[in-house]
Full PDB file with SEQRES, HELIX, SHEET, SSBOND, CRYST1, ORIGX, SCALE, CONECT and MASTER records, all heavy atoms in Angstrom:
SEQRES   1 A   39  VAL ASP ILE ALA ARG TYR LEU GLY VAL ILE SER GLU THR          
SEQRES   2 A   39  GLU ALA PRO GLU HIS VAL ARG LEU LEU ILE ASP ARG ARG          
SEQRES   3 A   39  LEU ALA GLN ALA GLY ALA GLU VAL ALA VAL LEU PRO ALA          
HELIX    1 AA1 ASP A    2  GLU A   12  1                                  11    
HELIX    2 AA2 ALA A   15  VAL A   34  1                                  20    
CRYST1    1.000    1.000    1.000  90.00  90.00  90.00 P 1           1          
ORIGX1      1.000000  0.000000  0.000000        0.00000                         
ORIGX2      0.000000  1.000000  0.000000        0.00000                         
ORIGX3      0.000000  0.000000  1.000000        0.00000                         
SCALE1      1.000000  0.000000  0.000000        0.00000                         
SCALE2      0.000000  1.000000  0.000000        0.00000                         
SCALE3      0.000000  0.000000  1.000000        0.00000                         
ATOM      1  N   VAL A   1      87.068  94.106  75.112  1.00  0.00           N  
ATOM      2  CA  VAL A   1      86.609  92.941  75.886  1.00  0.00           C  
ATOM      3  C   VAL A   1      87.381  92.848  77.201  1.00  0.00           C  
ATOM      4  O   VAL A   1      86.801  92.568  78.264  1.00  0.00           O  
ATOM      5  CB  VAL A   1      86.784  91.643  75.061  1.00  0.00           C  
ATOM      6  CG1 VAL A   1      86.476  90.418  75.923  1.00  0.00           C  
ATOM      7  CG2 VAL A   1      85.875  91.671  73.840  1.00  0.00           C  
ATOM      8  N   ASP A   2      88.702  93.090  77.139  1.00  0.00           N  
ATOM      9  CA  ASP A   2      89.514  93.078  78.358  1.00  0.00           C  
ATOM     10  C   ASP A   2      89.044  94.148  79.336  1.00  0.00           C  
ATOM     11  O   ASP A   2      88.954  93.904  80.552  1.00  0.00           O  
ATOM     12  CB  ASP A   2      90.990  93.329  78.013  1.00  0.00           C  
ATOM     13  CG  ASP A   2      91.616  92.199  77.219  1.00  0.00           C  
ATOM     14  OD1 ASP A   2      91.190  91.057  77.385  1.00  0.00           O  
ATOM     15  OD2 ASP A   2      92.541  92.482  76.421  1.00  0.00           O  
ATOM     16  N   ILE A   3      88.759  95.345  78.818  1.00  0.00           N  
ATOM     17  CA  ILE A   3      88.309  96.444  79.677  1.00  0.00           C  
ATOM     18  C   ILE A   3      87.001  96.074  80.359  1.00  0.00           C  
ATOM     19  O   ILE A   3      86.820  96.308  81.571  1.00  0.00           O  
ATOM     20  CB  ILE A   3      88.135  97.744  78.854  1.00  0.00           C  
ATOM     21  CG1 ILE A   3      89.490  98.256  78.352  1.00  0.00           C  
ATOM     22  CG2 ILE A   3      87.432  98.819  79.680  1.00  0.00           C  
ATOM     23  CD1 ILE A   3      90.447  98.657  79.448  1.00  0.00           C  
ATOM     24  N   ALA A   4      86.076  95.490  79.609  1.00  0.00           N  
ATOM     25  CA  ALA A   4      84.791  95.088  80.194  1.00  0.00           C  
ATOM     26  C   ALA A   4      85.004  94.053  81.297  1.00  0.00           C  
ATOM     27  O   ALA A   4      84.363  94.115  82.358  1.00  0.00           O  
ATOM     28  CB  ALA A   4      83.877  94.536  79.102  1.00  0.00           C  
ATOM     29  N   ARG A   5      85.909  93.117  81.071  1.00  0.00           N  
ATOM     30  CA  ARG A   5      86.180  92.108  82.089  1.00  0.00           C  
ATOM     31  C   ARG A   5      86.847  92.743  83.306  1.00  0.00           C  
ATOM     32  O   ARG A   5      86.531  92.410  84.459  1.00  0.00           O  
ATOM     33  CB  ARG A   5      87.080  91.024  81.502  1.00  0.00           C  
ATOM     34  CG  ARG A   5      87.244  89.810  82.424  1.00  0.00           C  
ATOM     35  CD  ARG A   5      88.188  88.793  81.845  1.00  0.00           C  
ATOM     36  NE  ARG A   5      88.188  87.570  82.632  1.00  0.00           N  
ATOM     37  CZ  ARG A   5      89.170  86.681  82.612  1.00  0.00           C  
ATOM     38  NH1 ARG A   5      90.233  86.876  81.829  1.00  0.00           N  
ATOM     39  NH2 ARG A   5      89.101  85.596  83.357  1.00  0.00           N  
ATOM     40  N   TYR A   6      87.782  93.640  83.061  1.00  0.00           N  
ATOM     41  CA  TYR A   6      88.490  94.349  84.123  1.00  0.00           C  
ATOM     42  C   TYR A   6      87.489  95.077  85.026  1.00  0.00           C  
ATOM     43  O   TYR A   6      87.498  94.936  86.262  1.00  0.00           O  
ATOM     44  CB  TYR A   6      89.444  95.352  83.480  1.00  0.00           C  
ATOM     45  CG  TYR A   6      90.738  95.623  84.209  1.00  0.00           C  
ATOM     46  CD1 TYR A   6      91.904  95.904  83.486  1.00  0.00           C  
ATOM     47  CD2 TYR A   6      90.821  95.650  85.591  1.00  0.00           C  
ATOM     48  CE1 TYR A   6      93.107  96.181  84.128  1.00  0.00           C  
ATOM     49  CE2 TYR A   6      92.012  95.925  86.240  1.00  0.00           C  
ATOM     50  CZ  TYR A   6      93.151  96.191  85.496  1.00  0.00           C  
ATOM     51  OH  TYR A   6      94.331  96.466  86.137  1.00  0.00           O  
ATOM     52  N   LEU A   7      86.601  95.842  84.389  1.00  0.00           N  
ATOM     53  CA  LEU A   7      85.607  96.603  85.156  1.00  0.00           C  
ATOM     54  C   LEU A   7      84.654  95.662  85.892  1.00  0.00           C  
ATOM     55  O   LEU A   7      84.223  95.969  87.011  1.00  0.00           O  
ATOM     56  CB  LEU A   7      84.832  97.524  84.222  1.00  0.00           C  
ATOM     57  CG  LEU A   7      85.626  98.666  83.581  1.00  0.00           C  
ATOM     58  CD1 LEU A   7      84.761  99.426  82.584  1.00  0.00           C  
ATOM     59  CD2 LEU A   7      86.163  99.611  84.649  1.00  0.00           C  
ATOM     60  N   GLY A   8      84.349  94.529  85.268  1.00  0.00           N  
ATOM     61  CA  GLY A   8      83.459  93.575  85.917  1.00  0.00           C  
ATOM     62  C   GLY A   8      84.052  93.013  87.193  1.00  0.00           C  
ATOM     63  O   GLY A   8      83.363  92.924  88.221  1.00  0.00           O  
ATOM     64  N   VAL A   9      85.331  92.652  87.157  1.00  0.00           N  
ATOM     65  CA  VAL A   9      85.981  92.112  88.352  1.00  0.00           C  
ATOM     66  C   VAL A   9      86.104  93.189  89.425  1.00  0.00           C  
ATOM     67  O   VAL A   9      85.891  92.926  90.620  1.00  0.00           O  
ATOM     68  CB  VAL A   9      87.367  91.532  88.000  1.00  0.00           C  
ATOM     69  CG1 VAL A   9      88.093  91.075  89.265  1.00  0.00           C  
ATOM     70  CG2 VAL A   9      87.222  90.371  87.026  1.00  0.00           C  
ATOM     71  N   ILE A  10      86.442  94.405  89.014  1.00  0.00           N  
ATOM     72  CA  ILE A  10      86.519  95.508  89.977  1.00  0.00           C  
ATOM     73  C   ILE A  10      85.179  95.689  90.683  1.00  0.00           C  
ATOM     74  O   ILE A  10      85.118  95.864  91.908  1.00  0.00           O  
ATOM     75  CB  ILE A  10      86.959  96.807  89.271  1.00  0.00           C  
ATOM     76  CG1 ILE A  10      88.435  96.724  88.882  1.00  0.00           C  
ATOM     77  CG2 ILE A  10      86.709  98.026  90.169  1.00  0.00           C  
ATOM     78  CD1 ILE A  10      88.911  97.885  88.032  1.00  0.00           C  
ATOM     79  N   SER A  11      84.104  95.625  89.922  1.00  0.00           N  
ATOM     80  CA  SER A  11      82.764  95.756  90.521  1.00  0.00           C  
ATOM     81  C   SER A  11      82.463  94.606  91.471  1.00  0.00           C  
ATOM     82  O   SER A  11      81.857  94.803  92.527  1.00  0.00           O  
ATOM     83  CB  SER A  11      81.703  95.816  89.419  1.00  0.00           C  
ATOM     84  OG  SER A  11      81.858  96.970  88.621  1.00  0.00           O  
ATOM     85  N   GLU A  12      82.884  93.393  91.110  1.00  0.00           N  
ATOM     86  CA  GLU A  12      82.652  92.233  91.958  1.00  0.00           C  
ATOM     87  C   GLU A  12      83.312  92.376  93.323  1.00  0.00           C  
ATOM     88  O   GLU A  12      82.801  91.859  94.328  1.00  0.00           O  
ATOM     89  CB  GLU A  12      83.174  90.968  91.268  1.00  0.00           C  
ATOM     90  CG  GLU A  12      82.349  90.515  90.071  1.00  0.00           C  
ATOM     91  CD  GLU A  12      83.031  89.392  89.309  1.00  0.00           C  
ATOM     92  OE1 GLU A  12      84.068  88.890  89.796  1.00  0.00           O  
ATOM     93  OE2 GLU A  12      82.534  89.020  88.228  1.00  0.00           O  
ATOM     94  N   THR A  13      84.449  93.055  93.383  1.00  0.00           N  
ATOM     95  CA  THR A  13      85.144  93.242  94.667  1.00  0.00           C  
ATOM     96  C   THR A  13      84.459  94.282  95.553  1.00  0.00           C  
ATOM     97  O   THR A  13      84.853  94.460  96.706  1.00  0.00           O  
ATOM     98  CB  THR A  13      86.599  93.691  94.446  1.00  0.00           C  
ATOM     99  OG1 THR A  13      86.610  95.020  93.899  1.00  0.00           O  
ATOM    100  CG2 THR A  13      87.341  92.738  93.516  1.00  0.00           C  
ATOM    101  N   GLU A  14      83.478  94.992  94.994  1.00  0.00           N  
ATOM    102  CA  GLU A  14      82.771  96.079  95.675  1.00  0.00           C  
ATOM    103  C   GLU A  14      83.703  97.241  95.995  1.00  0.00           C  
ATOM    104  O   GLU A  14      83.434  98.044  96.899  1.00  0.00           O  
ATOM    105  CB  GLU A  14      82.072  95.578  96.942  1.00  0.00           C  
ATOM    106  CG  GLU A  14      81.010  94.514  96.655  1.00  0.00           C  
ATOM    107  CD  GLU A  14      80.232  94.121  97.889  1.00  0.00           C  
ATOM    108  OE1 GLU A  14      80.626  94.517  99.018  1.00  0.00           O  
ATOM    109  OE2 GLU A  14      79.213  93.416  97.748  1.00  0.00           O  
ATOM    110  N   ALA A  15      84.778  97.366  95.219  1.00  0.00           N  
ATOM    111  CA  ALA A  15      85.678  98.504  95.400  1.00  0.00           C  
ATOM    112  C   ALA A  15      84.971  99.840  95.170  1.00  0.00           C  
ATOM    113  O   ALA A  15      85.202 100.796  95.925  1.00  0.00           O  
ATOM    114  CB  ALA A  15      86.886  98.366  94.470  1.00  0.00           C  
ATOM    115  N   PRO A  16      84.097  99.957  94.149  1.00  0.00           N  
ATOM    116  CA  PRO A  16      83.411 101.245  93.967  1.00  0.00           C  
ATOM    117  C   PRO A  16      82.601 101.654  95.189  1.00  0.00           C  
ATOM    118  O   PRO A  16      82.603 102.837  95.585  1.00  0.00           O  
ATOM    119  CB  PRO A  16      82.509 100.989  92.750  1.00  0.00           C  
ATOM    120  CG  PRO A  16      83.212  99.930  91.979  1.00  0.00           C  
ATOM    121  CD  PRO A  16      83.797  99.024  93.037  1.00  0.00           C  
ATOM    122  N   GLU A  17      81.912 100.692  95.807  1.00  0.00           N  
ATOM    123  CA  GLU A  17      81.131 101.014  97.005  1.00  0.00           C  
ATOM    124  C   GLU A  17      82.042 101.457  98.153  1.00  0.00           C  
ATOM    125  O   GLU A  17      81.703 102.369  98.921  1.00  0.00           O  
ATOM    126  CB  GLU A  17      80.311  99.790  97.438  1.00  0.00           C  
ATOM    127  CG  GLU A  17      79.138  99.458  96.541  1.00  0.00           C  
ATOM    128  CD  GLU A  17      79.549  98.779  95.244  1.00  0.00           C  
ATOM    129  OE1 GLU A  17      80.743  98.422  95.099  1.00  0.00           O  
ATOM    130  OE2 GLU A  17      78.674  98.599  94.370  1.00  0.00           O  
ATOM    131  N   HIS A  18      83.193 100.806  98.277  1.00  0.00           N  
ATOM    132  CA  HIS A  18      84.132 101.176  99.332  1.00  0.00           C  
ATOM    133  C   HIS A  18      84.662 102.589  99.104  1.00  0.00           C  
ATOM    134  O   HIS A  18      84.812 103.366 100.063  1.00  0.00           O  
ATOM    135  CB  HIS A  18      85.291 100.182  99.378  1.00  0.00           C  
ATOM    136  CG  HIS A  18      86.210 100.397 100.546  1.00  0.00           C  
ATOM    137  ND1 HIS A  18      85.857 100.076 101.845  1.00  0.00           N  
ATOM    138  CD2 HIS A  18      87.474 100.909 100.616  1.00  0.00           C  
ATOM    139  CE1 HIS A  18      86.856 100.384 102.664  1.00  0.00           C  
ATOM    140  NE2 HIS A  18      87.844 100.880 101.945  1.00  0.00           N  
ATOM    141  N   VAL A  19      84.940 102.930  97.855  1.00  0.00           N  
ATOM    142  CA  VAL A  19      85.414 104.284  97.544  1.00  0.00           C  
ATOM    143  C   VAL A  19      84.335 105.306  97.886  1.00  0.00           C  
ATOM    144  O   VAL A  19      84.624 106.383  98.417  1.00  0.00           O  
ATOM    145  CB  VAL A  19      85.827 104.383  96.064  1.00  0.00           C  
ATOM    146  CG1 VAL A  19      86.100 105.840  95.677  1.00  0.00           C  
ATOM    147  CG2 VAL A  19      87.077 103.549  95.814  1.00  0.00           C  
ATOM    148  N   ARG A  20      83.097 104.977  97.603  1.00  0.00           N  
ATOM    149  CA  ARG A  20      82.007 105.902  97.955  1.00  0.00           C  
ATOM    150  C   ARG A  20      81.921 106.094  99.467  1.00  0.00           C  
ATOM    151  O   ARG A  20      81.612 107.202  99.941  1.00  0.00           O  
ATOM    152  CB  ARG A  20      80.676 105.383  97.399  1.00  0.00           C  
ATOM    153  CG  ARG A  20      80.625 105.388  95.875  1.00  0.00           C  
ATOM    154  CD  ARG A  20      79.251 105.009  95.349  1.00  0.00           C  
ATOM    155  NE  ARG A  20      79.274 104.884  93.888  1.00  0.00           N  
ATOM    156  CZ  ARG A  20      79.378 103.743  93.219  1.00  0.00           C  
ATOM    157  NH1 ARG A  20      79.424 102.592  93.898  1.00  0.00           N  
ATOM    158  NH2 ARG A  20      79.406 103.727  91.910  1.00  0.00           N  
ATOM    159  N   LEU A  21      82.194 105.052 100.222  1.00  0.00           N  
ATOM    160  CA  LEU A  21      82.216 105.170 101.681  1.00  0.00           C  
ATOM    161  C   LEU A  21      83.344 106.105 102.126  1.00  0.00           C  
ATOM    162  O   LEU A  21      83.149 106.948 103.019  1.00  0.00           O  
ATOM    163  CB  LEU A  21      82.399 103.791 102.308  1.00  0.00           C  
ATOM    164  CG  LEU A  21      82.493 103.738 103.841  1.00  0.00           C  
ATOM    165  CD1 LEU A  21      81.213 104.278 104.474  1.00  0.00           C  
ATOM    166  CD2 LEU A  21      82.768 102.315 104.316  1.00  0.00           C  
ATOM    167  N   LEU A  22      84.511 105.991 101.497  1.00  0.00           N  
ATOM    168  CA  LEU A  22      85.625 106.888 101.811  1.00  0.00           C  
ATOM    169  C   LEU A  22      85.265 108.335 101.493  1.00  0.00           C  
ATOM    170  O   LEU A  22      85.627 109.257 102.233  1.00  0.00           O  
ATOM    171  CB  LEU A  22      86.868 106.474 101.028  1.00  0.00           C  
ATOM    172  CG  LEU A  22      87.495 105.123 101.377  1.00  0.00           C  
ATOM    173  CD1 LEU A  22      88.699 104.852 100.478  1.00  0.00           C  
ATOM    174  CD2 LEU A  22      87.899 105.072 102.843  1.00  0.00           C  
ATOM    175  N   ILE A  23      84.553 108.537 100.401  1.00  0.00           N  
ATOM    176  CA  ILE A  23      84.113 109.887 100.034  1.00  0.00           C  
ATOM    177  C   ILE A  23      83.206 110.462 101.111  1.00  0.00           C  
ATOM    178  O   ILE A  23      83.369 111.617 101.545  1.00  0.00           O  
ATOM    179  CB  ILE A  23      83.396 109.856  98.670  1.00  0.00           C  
ATOM    180  CG1 ILE A  23      84.399 109.574  97.545  1.00  0.00           C  
ATOM    181  CG2 ILE A  23      82.676 111.185  98.410  1.00  0.00           C  
ATOM    182  CD1 ILE A  23      83.750 109.326  96.198  1.00  0.00           C  
ATOM    183  N   ASP A  24      82.237 109.668 101.569  1.00  0.00           N  
ATOM    184  CA  ASP A  24      81.304 110.146 102.593  1.00  0.00           C  
ATOM    185  C   ASP A  24      82.037 110.500 103.893  1.00  0.00           C  
ATOM    186  O   ASP A  24      81.685 111.478 104.569  1.00  0.00           O  
ATOM    187  CB  ASP A  24      80.235 109.093 102.867  1.00  0.00           C  
ATOM    188  CG  ASP A  24      79.220 108.980 101.733  1.00  0.00           C  
ATOM    189  OD1 ASP A  24      79.130 109.934 100.934  1.00  0.00           O  
ATOM    190  OD2 ASP A  24      78.540 107.949 101.631  1.00  0.00           O  
ATOM    191  N   ARG A  25      83.037 109.705 104.240  1.00  0.00           N  
ATOM    192  CA  ARG A  25      83.798 109.992 105.455  1.00  0.00           C  
ATOM    193  C   ARG A  25      84.528 111.320 105.342  1.00  0.00           C  
ATOM    194  O   ARG A  25      84.578 112.103 106.305  1.00  0.00           O  
ATOM    195  CB  ARG A  25      84.787 108.862 105.721  1.00  0.00           C  
ATOM    196  CG  ARG A  25      84.150 107.560 106.191  1.00  0.00           C  
ATOM    197  CD  ARG A  25      85.189 106.459 106.290  1.00  0.00           C  
ATOM    198  NE  ARG A  25      84.602 105.192 106.734  1.00  0.00           N  
ATOM    199  CZ  ARG A  25      85.247 104.031 106.737  1.00  0.00           C  
ATOM    200  NH1 ARG A  25      86.514 103.976 106.311  1.00  0.00           N  
ATOM    201  NH2 ARG A  25      84.641 102.935 107.151  1.00  0.00           N  
ATOM    202  N   ARG A  26      85.066 111.591 104.181  1.00  0.00           N  
ATOM    203  CA  ARG A  26      85.797 112.841 104.002  1.00  0.00           C  
ATOM    204  C   ARG A  26      84.853 114.037 103.977  1.00  0.00           C  
ATOM    205  O   ARG A  26      85.194 115.115 104.470  1.00  0.00           O  
ATOM    206  CB  ARG A  26      86.663 112.753 102.748  1.00  0.00           C  
ATOM    207  CG  ARG A  26      87.967 112.009 103.036  1.00  0.00           C  
ATOM    208  CD  ARG A  26      88.519 111.258 101.856  1.00  0.00           C  
ATOM    209  NE  ARG A  26      89.742 110.542 102.244  1.00  0.00           N  
ATOM    210  CZ  ARG A  26      89.765 109.402 102.903  1.00  0.00           C  
ATOM    211  NH1 ARG A  26      88.633 108.839 103.291  1.00  0.00           N  
ATOM    212  NH2 ARG A  26      90.917 108.808 103.210  1.00  0.00           N  
ATOM    213  N   LEU A  27      83.676 113.852 103.437  1.00  0.00           N  
ATOM    214  CA  LEU A  27      82.696 114.932 103.484  1.00  0.00           C  
ATOM    215  C   LEU A  27      82.260 115.211 104.919  1.00  0.00           C  
ATOM    216  O   LEU A  27      82.019 116.369 105.289  1.00  0.00           O  
ATOM    217  CB  LEU A  27      81.482 114.577 102.628  1.00  0.00           C  
ATOM    218  CG  LEU A  27      81.695 114.592 101.107  1.00  0.00           C  
ATOM    219  CD1 LEU A  27      80.397 114.242 100.408  1.00  0.00           C  
ATOM    220  CD2 LEU A  27      82.205 115.945 100.642  1.00  0.00           C  
ATOM    221  N   ALA A  28      82.172 114.186 105.724  1.00  0.00           N  
ATOM    222  CA  ALA A  28      81.828 114.384 107.134  1.00  0.00           C  
ATOM    223  C   ALA A  28      82.933 115.160 107.849  1.00  0.00           C  
ATOM    224  O   ALA A  28      82.657 116.038 108.677  1.00  0.00           O  
ATOM    225  CB  ALA A  28      81.597 113.034 107.811  1.00  0.00           C  
ATOM    226  N   GLN A  29      84.193 114.830 107.544  1.00  0.00           N  
ATOM    227  CA  GLN A  29      85.311 115.576 108.122  1.00  0.00           C  
ATOM    228  C   GLN A  29      85.240 117.051 107.716  1.00  0.00           C  
ATOM    229  O   GLN A  29      85.448 117.944 108.536  1.00  0.00           O  
ATOM    230  CB  GLN A  29      86.639 114.971 107.641  1.00  0.00           C  
ATOM    231  CG  GLN A  29      86.917 113.567 108.152  1.00  0.00           C  
ATOM    232  CD  GLN A  29      88.107 112.929 107.459  1.00  0.00           C  
ATOM    233  OE1 GLN A  29      88.881 113.596 106.780  1.00  0.00           O  
ATOM    234  NE2 GLN A  29      88.246 111.616 107.611  1.00  0.00           N  
ATOM    235  N   ALA A  30      84.949 117.279 106.435  1.00  0.00           N  
ATOM    236  CA  ALA A  30      84.849 118.660 105.959  1.00  0.00           C  
ATOM    237  C   ALA A  30      83.704 119.393 106.650  1.00  0.00           C  
ATOM    238  O   ALA A  30      83.818 120.576 106.993  1.00  0.00           O  
ATOM    239  CB  ALA A  30      84.640 118.672 104.449  1.00  0.00           C  
ATOM    240  N   GLY A  31      82.594 118.695 106.883  1.00  0.00           N  
ATOM    241  CA  GLY A  31      81.453 119.312 107.544  1.00  0.00           C  
ATOM    242  C   GLY A  31      81.772 119.800 108.936  1.00  0.00           C  
ATOM    243  O   GLY A  31      81.280 120.850 109.370  1.00  0.00           O  
ATOM    244  N   ALA A  32      82.627 119.071 109.648  1.00  0.00           N  
ATOM    245  CA  ALA A  32      83.008 119.485 111.000  1.00  0.00           C  
ATOM    246  C   ALA A  32      83.801 120.790 110.961  1.00  0.00           C  
ATOM    247  O   ALA A  32      83.698 121.626 111.870  1.00  0.00           O  
ATOM    248  CB  ALA A  32      83.823 118.385 111.670  1.00  0.00           C  
ATOM    249  N   GLU A  33      84.602 120.976 109.915  1.00  0.00           N  
ATOM    250  CA  GLU A  33      85.410 122.194 109.805  1.00  0.00           C  
ATOM    251  C   GLU A  33      84.567 123.398 109.399  1.00  0.00           C  
ATOM    252  O   GLU A  33      84.847 124.529 109.805  1.00  0.00           O  
ATOM    253  CB  GLU A  33      86.542 121.990 108.797  1.00  0.00           C  
ATOM    254  CG  GLU A  33      87.544 120.919 109.188  1.00  0.00           C  
ATOM    255  CD  GLU A  33      88.239 121.214 110.505  1.00  0.00           C  
ATOM    256  OE1 GLU A  33      88.300 122.385 110.909  1.00  0.00           O  
ATOM    257  OE2 GLU A  33      88.713 120.254 111.142  1.00  0.00           O  
ATOM    258  N   VAL A  34      83.547 123.167 108.574  1.00  0.00           N  
ATOM    259  CA  VAL A  34      82.691 124.268 108.127  1.00  0.00           C  
ATOM    260  C   VAL A  34      82.068 124.992 109.312  1.00  0.00           C  
ATOM    261  O   VAL A  34      81.911 126.218 109.306  1.00  0.00           O  
ATOM    262  CB  VAL A  34      81.587 123.739 107.179  1.00  0.00           C  
ATOM    263  CG1 VAL A  34      80.486 124.784 106.984  1.00  0.00           C  
ATOM    264  CG2 VAL A  34      82.182 123.355 105.836  1.00  0.00           C  
ATOM    265  N   ALA A  35      81.746 124.251 110.352  1.00  0.00           N  
ATOM    266  CA  ALA A  35      81.054 124.833 111.507  1.00  0.00           C  
ATOM    267  C   ALA A  35      81.885 125.888 112.224  1.00  0.00           C  
ATOM    268  O   ALA A  35      81.322 126.734 112.937  1.00  0.00           O  
ATOM    269  CB  ALA A  35      80.671 123.724 112.487  1.00  0.00           C  
ATOM    270  N   VAL A  36      83.208 125.874 112.081  1.00  0.00           N  
ATOM    271  CA  VAL A  36      84.046 126.846 112.790  1.00  0.00           C  
ATOM    272  C   VAL A  36      84.451 128.000 111.888  1.00  0.00           C  
ATOM    273  O   VAL A  36      85.171 128.903 112.324  1.00  0.00           O  
ATOM    274  CB  VAL A  36      85.303 126.171 113.374  1.00  0.00           C  
ATOM    275  CG1 VAL A  36      84.923 125.008 114.277  1.00  0.00           C  
ATOM    276  CG2 VAL A  36      86.243 125.685 112.256  1.00  0.00           C  
ATOM    277  N   LEU A  37      83.985 128.011 110.649  1.00  0.00           N  
ATOM    278  CA  LEU A  37      84.337 129.073 109.705  1.00  0.00           C  
ATOM    279  C   LEU A  37      83.299 130.185 109.746  1.00  0.00           C  
ATOM    280  O   LEU A  37      82.213 130.018 110.328  1.00  0.00           O  
ATOM    281  CB  LEU A  37      84.451 128.481 108.299  1.00  0.00           C  
ATOM    282  CG  LEU A  37      85.672 127.569 108.101  1.00  0.00           C  
ATOM    283  CD1 LEU A  37      85.546 126.758 106.823  1.00  0.00           C  
ATOM    284  CD2 LEU A  37      86.956 128.387 108.106  1.00  0.00           C  
ATOM    285  N   PRO A  38      83.590 131.348 109.163  1.00  0.00           N  
ATOM    286  CA  PRO A  38      82.624 132.452 109.178  1.00  0.00           C  
ATOM    287  C   PRO A  38      81.243 132.033 108.699  1.00  0.00           C  
ATOM    288  O   PRO A  38      81.110 131.325 107.690  1.00  0.00           O  
ATOM    289  CB  PRO A  38      83.262 133.475 108.226  1.00  0.00           C  
ATOM    290  CG  PRO A  38      84.732 133.224 108.348  1.00  0.00           C  
ATOM    291  CD  PRO A  38      84.853 131.736 108.505  1.00  0.00           C  
ATOM    292  N   ALA A  39      80.225 132.456 109.423  1.00  0.00           N  
ATOM    293  CA  ALA A  39      78.855 132.020 109.126  1.00  0.00           C  
ATOM    294  C   ALA A  39      78.441 132.362 107.703  1.00  0.00           C  
ATOM    295  O   ALA A  39      77.681 131.622 107.075  1.00  0.00           O  
ATOM    296  CB  ALA A  39      77.887 132.661 110.124  1.00  0.00           C  
TER     297      ALA A  39                                                      
MASTER        0    0    0    2    0    0    0    6  296    1    0    3          
END                                                                             
């Protein structure tokens, strides 16, 4: 029950969505580097 409540509050803060945004930013950074590597 505590775990369910814990996860519920975490979801309410929209932390998962923010983490997904951080992931997308890092993938964009990686994409810029791919362009200079061997074709």
